[in-house]
Amino acid sequence: MEDNYRSWLWEKLGERCVKNMKNHGFDAHFVSTPDEAKDLVLGMISGYETFGFGGSDTTRSLGIMEALKATGKTVYDHWQKGLDKAQDLEIRLQQGRCDCFLCSANAISATGEIINVDGIGNRTDAMTFGPKKVLIIAGMNKVTHDLESALTRVRDVAGPMRAKSLGMETPCAETGICTDCNSPQRICRVTVILHRRPMLTDISVVLINRSMGF
């Protein structure tokens, strides 16, 4: 029963978020399930040939990458095993030059802003300029009421959880608390806020009424 009420509350929050993102120039959508999201996204990107994926558990969990590979599309994935440093770098560069780039967000405000924080910057670069099409896919657990709370979510929730998941040796991965550290393995180095859609980049955002990713 509690899940039903949370789903209802997220639906109302998602509707407000989508409306404000549309006002900010984004092509925004709200769907109920991951399967709906997958079908919607695959329909949007069927005409493209080359695809880049940011380090996103959300996009990968939908099975979009596998579906693209099955139809012979070219996928640039720096998470594939066996890459040396040069190959990893080349793939990250190709992600910024591909036809379509897919990633998630660390937080999205209901007022219509999208926030991502990177350690390297390939994701934040590719989502703002380069690819012909950008897809940002996020669960409603990442939506907050305003920009201030979205930035707080990145610092207090997404950052520590992501550092822990990656096995980073940072204070937040040990304590769960951000100390604005100078750790060599710090992953919060580049912050990008999409206040409005970048002038030359076609961006679609798909919100899923589920808890997904970090």
C-alpha atoms as a PDB file:
ATOM      1  CA  MET A   1       0.000   0.000   0.000  1.00  0.00           C
ATOM      2  CA  GLU A   2       2.846   2.381   0.850  1.00  0.00           C
ATOM      3  CA  ASP A   3       4.355   1.795  -2.593  1.00  0.00           C
ATOM      4  CA  ASN A   4       1.050   2.801  -4.198  1.00  0.00           C
ATOM      5  CA  TYR A   5       1.052   6.142  -2.412  1.00  0.00           C
ATOM      6  CA  ARG A   6       4.707   6.748  -3.218  1.00  0.00           C
ATOM      7  CA  SER A   7       4.005   5.964  -6.868  1.00  0.00           C
ATOM      8  CA  TRP A   8       1.135   8.446  -6.825  1.00  0.00           C
ATOM      9  CA  LEU A   9       3.274  11.123  -5.187  1.00  0.00           C
ATOM     10  CA  TRP A  10       6.116  10.561  -7.657  1.00  0.00           C
ATOM     11  CA  GLU A  11       3.645  10.767 -10.533  1.00  0.00           C
ATOM     12  CA  LYS A  12       2.497  14.200  -9.377  1.00  0.00           C
ATOM     13  CA  LEU A  13       6.094  15.343  -8.850  1.00  0.00           C
ATOM     14  CA  GLY A  14       7.080  13.906 -12.219  1.00  0.00           C
ATOM     15  CA  GLU A  15       4.271  15.723 -14.007  1.00  0.00           C
ATOM     16  CA  ARG A  16       5.440  19.020 -12.557  1.00  0.00           C
ATOM     17  CA  CYS A  17       9.045  18.245 -13.424  1.00  0.00           C
ATOM     18  CA  VAL A  18       8.205  17.329 -17.027  1.00  0.00           C
ATOM     19  CA  LYS A  19       6.177  20.503 -17.471  1.00  0.00           C
ATOM     20  CA  ASN A  20       9.033  22.684 -16.248  1.00  0.00           C
ATOM     21  CA  MET A  21      11.647  20.847 -18.304  1.00  0.00           C
ATOM     22  CA  LYS A  22       9.531  21.357 -21.409  1.00  0.00           C
ATOM     23  CA  ASN A  23       9.361  25.051 -20.572  1.00  0.00           C
ATOM     24  CA  HIS A  24      13.172  24.968 -20.450  1.00  0.00           C
ATOM     25  CA  GLY A  25      13.423  23.499 -23.946  1.00  0.00           C
ATOM     26  CA  PHE A  26      13.886  19.824 -23.118  1.00  0.00           C
ATOM     27  CA  ASP A  27      11.842  17.060 -24.743  1.00  0.00           C
ATOM     28  CA  ALA A  28      10.615  15.524 -21.473  1.00  0.00           C
ATOM     29  CA  HIS A  29       8.567  12.386 -20.785  1.00  0.00           C
ATOM     30  CA  PHE A  30       7.191  10.532 -17.766  1.00  0.00           C
ATOM     31  CA  VAL A  31       6.593   6.773 -17.915  1.00  0.00           C
ATOM     32  CA  SER A  32       5.401   4.249 -15.356  1.00  0.00           C
ATOM     33  CA  THR A  33       7.765   1.329 -15.901  1.00  0.00           C
ATOM     34  CA  PRO A  34      11.273   0.496 -17.148  1.00  0.00           C
ATOM     35  CA  ASP A  35       9.769  -1.470 -20.037  1.00  0.00           C
ATOM     36  CA  GLU A  36       7.842   1.609 -21.170  1.00  0.00           C
ATOM     37  CA  ALA A  37      11.034   3.630 -20.967  1.00  0.00           C
ATOM     38  CA  LYS A  38      12.953   1.107 -23.051  1.00  0.00           C
ATOM     39  CA  ASP A  39      10.306   1.041 -25.782  1.00  0.00           C
ATOM     40  CA  LEU A  40      10.087   4.837 -25.838  1.00  0.00           C
ATOM     41  CA  VAL A  41      13.857   5.321 -26.025  1.00  0.00           C
ATOM     42  CA  LEU A  42      14.427   2.677 -28.701  1.00  0.00           C
ATOM     43  CA  GLY A  43      11.743   4.349 -30.812  1.00  0.00           C
ATOM     44  CA  MET A  44      13.437   7.732 -30.441  1.00  0.00           C
ATOM     45  CA  ILE A  45      16.908   6.535 -31.434  1.00  0.00           C
ATOM     46  CA  SER A  46      16.177   3.970 -34.135  1.00  0.00           C
ATOM     47  CA  GLY A  47      17.506   6.220 -36.894  1.00  0.00           C
ATOM     48  CA  TYR A  48      20.979   6.632 -35.419  1.00  0.00           C
ATOM     49  CA  GLU A  49      23.987   4.388 -36.023  1.00  0.00           C
ATOM     50  CA  THR A  50      26.599   5.156 -33.349  1.00  0.00           C
ATOM     51  CA  PHE A  51      25.906   5.321 -29.614  1.00  0.00           C
ATOM     52  CA  GLY A  52      27.799   6.285 -26.497  1.00  0.00           C
ATOM     53  CA  PHE A  53      26.894   5.256 -22.958  1.00  0.00           C
ATOM     54  CA  GLY A  54      27.949   7.153 -19.871  1.00  0.00           C
ATOM     55  CA  GLY A  55      28.746   5.296 -16.673  1.00  0.00           C
ATOM     56  CA  SER A  56      25.072   4.792 -15.846  1.00  0.00           C
ATOM     57  CA  ASP A  57      23.527   1.810 -14.093  1.00  0.00           C
ATOM     58  CA  THR A  58      20.071   3.129 -14.992  1.00  0.00           C
ATOM     59  CA  THR A  59      20.493   3.133 -18.773  1.00  0.00           C
ATOM     60  CA  ARG A  60      22.307  -0.204 -18.731  1.00  0.00           C
ATOM     61  CA  SER A  61      19.628  -1.881 -16.606  1.00  0.00           C
ATOM     62  CA  LEU A  62      17.013  -1.217 -19.296  1.00  0.00           C
ATOM     63  CA  GLY A  63      18.745  -3.483 -21.829  1.00  0.00           C
ATOM     64  CA  ILE A  64      19.060  -0.711 -24.404  1.00  0.00           C
ATOM     65  CA  MET A  65      22.719  -1.414 -25.082  1.00  0.00           C
ATOM     66  CA  GLU A  66      22.054  -5.084 -25.801  1.00  0.00           C
ATOM     67  CA  ALA A  67      19.149  -4.200 -28.086  1.00  0.00           C
ATOM     68  CA  LEU A  68      21.329  -1.818 -30.093  1.00  0.00           C
ATOM     69  CA  LYS A  69      24.147  -4.327 -30.452  1.00  0.00           C
ATOM     70  CA  ALA A  70      21.666  -6.977 -31.599  1.00  0.00           C
ATOM     71  CA  THR A  71      20.697  -4.780 -34.551  1.00  0.00           C
ATOM     72  CA  GLY A  72      24.291  -4.116 -35.559  1.00  0.00           C
ATOM     73  CA  LYS A  73      24.636  -0.615 -34.149  1.00  0.00           C
ATOM     74  CA  THR A  74      28.024   0.680 -33.009  1.00  0.00           C
ATOM     75  CA  VAL A  75      28.246   1.150 -29.233  1.00  0.00           C
ATOM     76  CA  TYR A  76      31.034   3.003 -27.422  1.00  0.00           C
ATOM     77  CA  ASP A  77      31.200   1.596 -23.898  1.00  0.00           C
ATOM     78  CA  HIS A  78      34.179   2.353 -21.658  1.00  0.00           C
ATOM     79  CA  TRP A  79      32.923  -0.190 -19.116  1.00  0.00           C
ATOM     80  CA  GLN A  80      33.701  -3.156 -21.360  1.00  0.00           C
ATOM     81  CA  LYS A  81      36.339  -5.453 -19.950  1.00  0.00           C
ATOM     82  CA  GLY A  82      39.915  -5.744 -21.137  1.00  0.00           C
ATOM     83  CA  LEU A  83      40.515  -2.133 -22.201  1.00  0.00           C
ATOM     84  CA  ASP A  84      43.919  -0.566 -21.724  1.00  0.00           C
ATOM     85  CA  LYS A  85      44.234   3.136 -20.875  1.00  0.00           C
ATOM     86  CA  ALA A  86      44.571   4.237 -24.489  1.00  0.00           C
ATOM     87  CA  GLN A  87      41.500   2.281 -25.580  1.00  0.00           C
ATOM     88  CA  ASP A  88      39.502   3.602 -22.639  1.00  0.00           C
ATOM     89  CA  LEU A  89      40.402   7.178 -23.536  1.00  0.00           C
ATOM     90  CA  GLU A  90      39.559   6.694 -27.209  1.00  0.00           C
ATOM     91  CA  ILE A  91      36.124   5.305 -26.365  1.00  0.00           C
ATOM     92  CA  ARG A  92      35.408   8.232 -24.032  1.00  0.00           C
ATOM     93  CA  LEU A  93      36.352  10.629 -26.839  1.00  0.00           C
ATOM     94  CA  GLN A  94      34.097   8.783 -29.291  1.00  0.00           C
ATOM     95  CA  GLN A  95      31.204   9.131 -26.850  1.00  0.00           C
ATOM     96  CA  GLY A  96      31.349  12.872 -27.429  1.00  0.00           C
ATOM     97  CA  ARG A  97      31.282  12.463 -31.212  1.00  0.00           C
ATOM     98  CA  CYS A  98      28.679   9.731 -31.652  1.00  0.00           C
ATOM     99  CA  ASP A  99      25.206  10.138 -33.133  1.00  0.00           C
ATOM    100  CA  CYS A 100      23.433   9.530 -29.830  1.00  0.00           C
ATOM    101  CA  PHE A 101      24.638   9.659 -26.227  1.00  0.00           C
ATOM    102  CA  LEU A 102      22.738   8.023 -23.361  1.00  0.00           C
ATOM    103  CA  CYS A 103      23.264   8.719 -19.685  1.00  0.00           C
ATOM    104  CA  SER A 104      21.410   9.324 -16.455  1.00  0.00           C
ATOM    105  CA  ALA A 105      21.517  12.244 -14.017  1.00  0.00           C
ATOM    106  CA  ASN A 106      22.725  12.567 -10.460  1.00  0.00           C
ATOM    107  CA  ALA A 107      19.729  14.749  -9.685  1.00  0.00           C
ATOM    108  CA  ILE A 108      16.881  16.547 -11.444  1.00  0.00           C
ATOM    109  CA  SER A 109      14.919  19.374  -9.881  1.00  0.00           C
ATOM    110  CA  ALA A 110      11.155  19.614 -10.246  1.00  0.00           C
ATOM    111  CA  THR A 111      11.815  23.189 -11.294  1.00  0.00           C
ATOM    112  CA  GLY A 112      13.426  21.847 -14.462  1.00  0.00           C
ATOM    113  CA  GLU A 113      17.204  21.715 -13.953  1.00  0.00           C
ATOM    114  CA  ILE A 114      19.422  18.665 -14.571  1.00  0.00           C
ATOM    115  CA  ILE A 115      22.584  18.105 -12.524  1.00  0.00           C
ATOM    116  CA  ASN A 116      25.497  15.789 -13.243  1.00  0.00           C
ATOM    117  CA  VAL A 117      28.826  15.568 -11.444  1.00  0.00           C
ATOM    118  CA  ASP A 118      31.814  13.792 -13.022  1.00  0.00           C
ATOM    119  CA  GLY A 119      35.294  12.785 -12.100  1.00  0.00           C
ATOM    120  CA  ILE A 120      36.662  12.909 -15.665  1.00  0.00           C
ATOM    121  CA  GLY A 121      34.155  14.992 -17.615  1.00  0.00           C
ATOM    122  CA  ASN A 122      33.417  12.777 -20.618  1.00  0.00           C
ATOM    123  CA  ARG A 123      29.777  12.379 -19.560  1.00  0.00           C
ATOM    124  CA  THR A 124      29.194  16.042 -18.773  1.00  0.00           C
ATOM    125  CA  ASP A 125      30.848  17.045 -22.058  1.00  0.00           C
ATOM    126  CA  ALA A 126      28.881  14.582 -24.196  1.00  0.00           C
ATOM    127  CA  MET A 127      25.525  15.501 -22.662  1.00  0.00           C
ATOM    128  CA  THR A 128      25.968  19.192 -23.488  1.00  0.00           C
ATOM    129  CA  PHE A 129      27.653  19.325 -26.912  1.00  0.00           C
ATOM    130  CA  GLY A 130      28.799  16.943 -29.626  1.00  0.00           C
ATOM    131  CA  PRO A 131      26.278  14.141 -30.229  1.00  0.00           C
ATOM    132  CA  LYS A 132      23.296  14.785 -32.470  1.00  0.00           C
ATOM    133  CA  LYS A 133      20.947  13.404 -29.830  1.00  0.00           C
ATOM    134  CA  VAL A 134      21.193  13.027 -26.043  1.00  0.00           C
ATOM    135  CA  LEU A 135      18.954  10.808 -23.904  1.00  0.00           C
ATOM    136  CA  ILE A 136      18.900  11.359 -20.141  1.00  0.00           C
ATOM    137  CA  ILE A 137      17.047   8.577 -18.306  1.00  0.00           C
ATOM    138  CA  ALA A 138      16.378   8.724 -14.569  1.00  0.00           C
ATOM    139  CA  GLY A 139      14.282   7.144 -11.873  1.00  0.00           C
ATOM    140  CA  MET A 140      12.039   9.364  -9.776  1.00  0.00           C
ATOM    141  CA  ASN A 141      14.269   8.788  -6.745  1.00  0.00           C
ATOM    142  CA  LYS A 142      16.572  11.367  -8.349  1.00  0.00           C
ATOM    143  CA  VAL A 143      13.964  14.123  -8.581  1.00  0.00           C
ATOM    144  CA  THR A 144      13.935  16.756  -5.852  1.00  0.00           C
ATOM    145  CA  HIS A 145      11.761  19.825  -5.359  1.00  0.00           C
ATOM    146  CA  ASP A 146      14.245  22.549  -6.327  1.00  0.00           C
ATOM    147  CA  LEU A 147      17.795  23.200  -7.479  1.00  0.00           C
ATOM    148  CA  GLU A 148      19.207  23.585  -3.964  1.00  0.00           C
ATOM    149  CA  SER A 149      17.840  20.228  -2.840  1.00  0.00           C
ATOM    150  CA  ALA A 150      19.058  18.628  -6.079  1.00  0.00           C
ATOM    151  CA  LEU A 151      22.604  19.787  -5.381  1.00  0.00           C
ATOM    152  CA  THR A 152      22.251  18.514  -1.821  1.00  0.00           C
ATOM    153  CA  ARG A 153      21.174  15.132  -3.158  1.00  0.00           C
ATOM    154  CA  VAL A 154      24.279  14.917  -5.324  1.00  0.00           C
ATOM    155  CA  ARG A 155      26.550  15.678  -2.379  1.00  0.00           C
ATOM    156  CA  ASP A 156      24.821  13.661   0.351  1.00  0.00           C
ATOM    157  CA  VAL A 157      23.318  10.725  -1.573  1.00  0.00           C
ATOM    158  CA  ALA A 158      24.571  10.167  -5.120  1.00  0.00           C
ATOM    159  CA  GLY A 159      28.229  10.988  -4.472  1.00  0.00           C
ATOM    160  CA  PRO A 160      28.852   8.724  -1.478  1.00  0.00           C
ATOM    161  CA  MET A 161      26.809   5.856  -2.915  1.00  0.00           C
ATOM    162  CA  ARG A 162      28.553   6.036  -6.276  1.00  0.00           C
ATOM    163  CA  ALA A 163      32.008   6.234  -4.719  1.00  0.00           C
ATOM    164  CA  LYS A 164      31.178   3.208  -2.579  1.00  0.00           C
ATOM    165  CA  SER A 165      29.848   1.245  -5.574  1.00  0.00           C
ATOM    166  CA  LEU A 166      33.047   1.929  -7.520  1.00  0.00           C
ATOM    167  CA  GLY A 167      35.280   0.898  -4.624  1.00  0.00           C
ATOM    168  CA  MET A 168      36.895   4.321  -4.396  1.00  0.00           C
ATOM    169  CA  GLU A 169      39.199   5.150  -1.516  1.00  0.00           C
ATOM    170  CA  THR A 170      37.496   8.375  -0.456  1.00  0.00           C
ATOM    171  CA  PRO A 171      36.193   9.578   2.905  1.00  0.00           C
ATOM    172  CA  CYS A 172      32.575   9.458   1.708  1.00  0.00           C
ATOM    173  CA  ALA A 173      32.957   5.833   0.602  1.00  0.00           C
ATOM    174  CA  GLU A 174      34.041   5.022   4.140  1.00  0.00           C
ATOM    175  CA  THR A 175      31.702   7.205   6.235  1.00  0.00           C
ATOM    176  CA  GLY A 176      28.861   8.054   3.864  1.00  0.00           C
ATOM    177  CA  ILE A 177      29.477  11.766   4.504  1.00  0.00           C
ATOM    178  CA  CYS A 178      30.913  14.266   2.013  1.00  0.00           C
ATOM    179  CA  THR A 179      33.891  16.197   3.394  1.00  0.00           C
ATOM    180  CA  ASP A 180      34.723  18.064   0.156  1.00  0.00           C
ATOM    181  CA  CYS A 181      37.914  16.027   0.103  1.00  0.00           C
ATOM    182  CA  ASN A 182      41.079  16.228  -1.957  1.00  0.00           C
ATOM    183  CA  SER A 183      41.370  12.474  -2.328  1.00  0.00           C
ATOM    184  CA  PRO A 184      43.179  11.311  -5.499  1.00  0.00           C
ATOM    185  CA  GLN A 185      40.165   9.087  -6.208  1.00  0.00           C
ATOM    186  CA  ARG A 186      37.563  11.809  -5.679  1.00  0.00           C
ATOM    187  CA  ILE A 187      34.815  11.411  -8.298  1.00  0.00           C
ATOM    188  CA  CYS A 188      33.121  14.793  -7.733  1.00  0.00           C
ATOM    189  CA  ARG A 189      35.339  17.091  -9.799  1.00  0.00           C
ATOM    190  CA  VAL A 190      33.146  18.573 -12.543  1.00  0.00           C
ATOM    191  CA  THR A 191      29.636  19.877 -11.896  1.00  0.00           C
ATOM    192  CA  VAL A 192      27.313  20.696 -14.794  1.00  0.00           C
ATOM    193  CA  ILE A 193      23.837  22.156 -14.374  1.00  0.00           C
ATOM    194  CA  LEU A 194      21.573  22.238 -17.395  1.00  0.00           C
ATOM    195  CA  HIS A 195      19.417  25.244 -16.545  1.00  0.00           C
ATOM    196  CA  ARG A 196      18.022  25.214 -20.076  1.00  0.00           C
ATOM    197  CA  ARG A 197      18.565  23.016 -23.131  1.00  0.00           C
ATOM    198  CA  PRO A 198      21.940  23.823 -24.710  1.00  0.00           C
ATOM    199  CA  MET A 199      21.389  25.758 -27.940  1.00  0.00           C
ATOM    200  CA  LEU A 200      22.858  23.184 -30.333  1.00  0.00           C
ATOM    201  CA  THR A 201      21.970  19.930 -28.568  1.00  0.00           C
ATOM    202  CA  ASP A 202      18.738  17.943 -28.907  1.00  0.00           C
ATOM    203  CA  ILE A 203      18.042  16.499 -25.450  1.00  0.00           C
ATOM    204  CA  SER A 204      15.242  14.173 -24.401  1.00  0.00           C
ATOM    205  CA  VAL A 205      14.640  13.304 -20.754  1.00  0.00           C
ATOM    206  CA  VAL A 206      12.739  10.208 -19.660  1.00  0.00           C
ATOM    207  CA  LEU A 207      11.599   9.952 -16.038  1.00  0.00           C
ATOM    208  CA  ILE A 208      10.624   6.497 -14.805  1.00  0.00           C
ATOM    209  CA  ASN A 209       8.249   6.072 -11.863  1.00  0.00           C
ATOM    210  CA  ARG A 210      10.680   3.757 -10.103  1.00  0.00           C
ATOM    211  CA  SER A 211      13.725   3.978  -7.842  1.00  0.00           C
ATOM    212  CA  MET A 212      16.678   3.403 -10.166  1.00  0.00           C
ATOM    213  CA  GLY A 213      20.415   3.914  -9.894  1.00  0.00           C
ATOM    214  CA  PHE A 214      22.250   6.118  -7.435  1.00  0.00           C
END
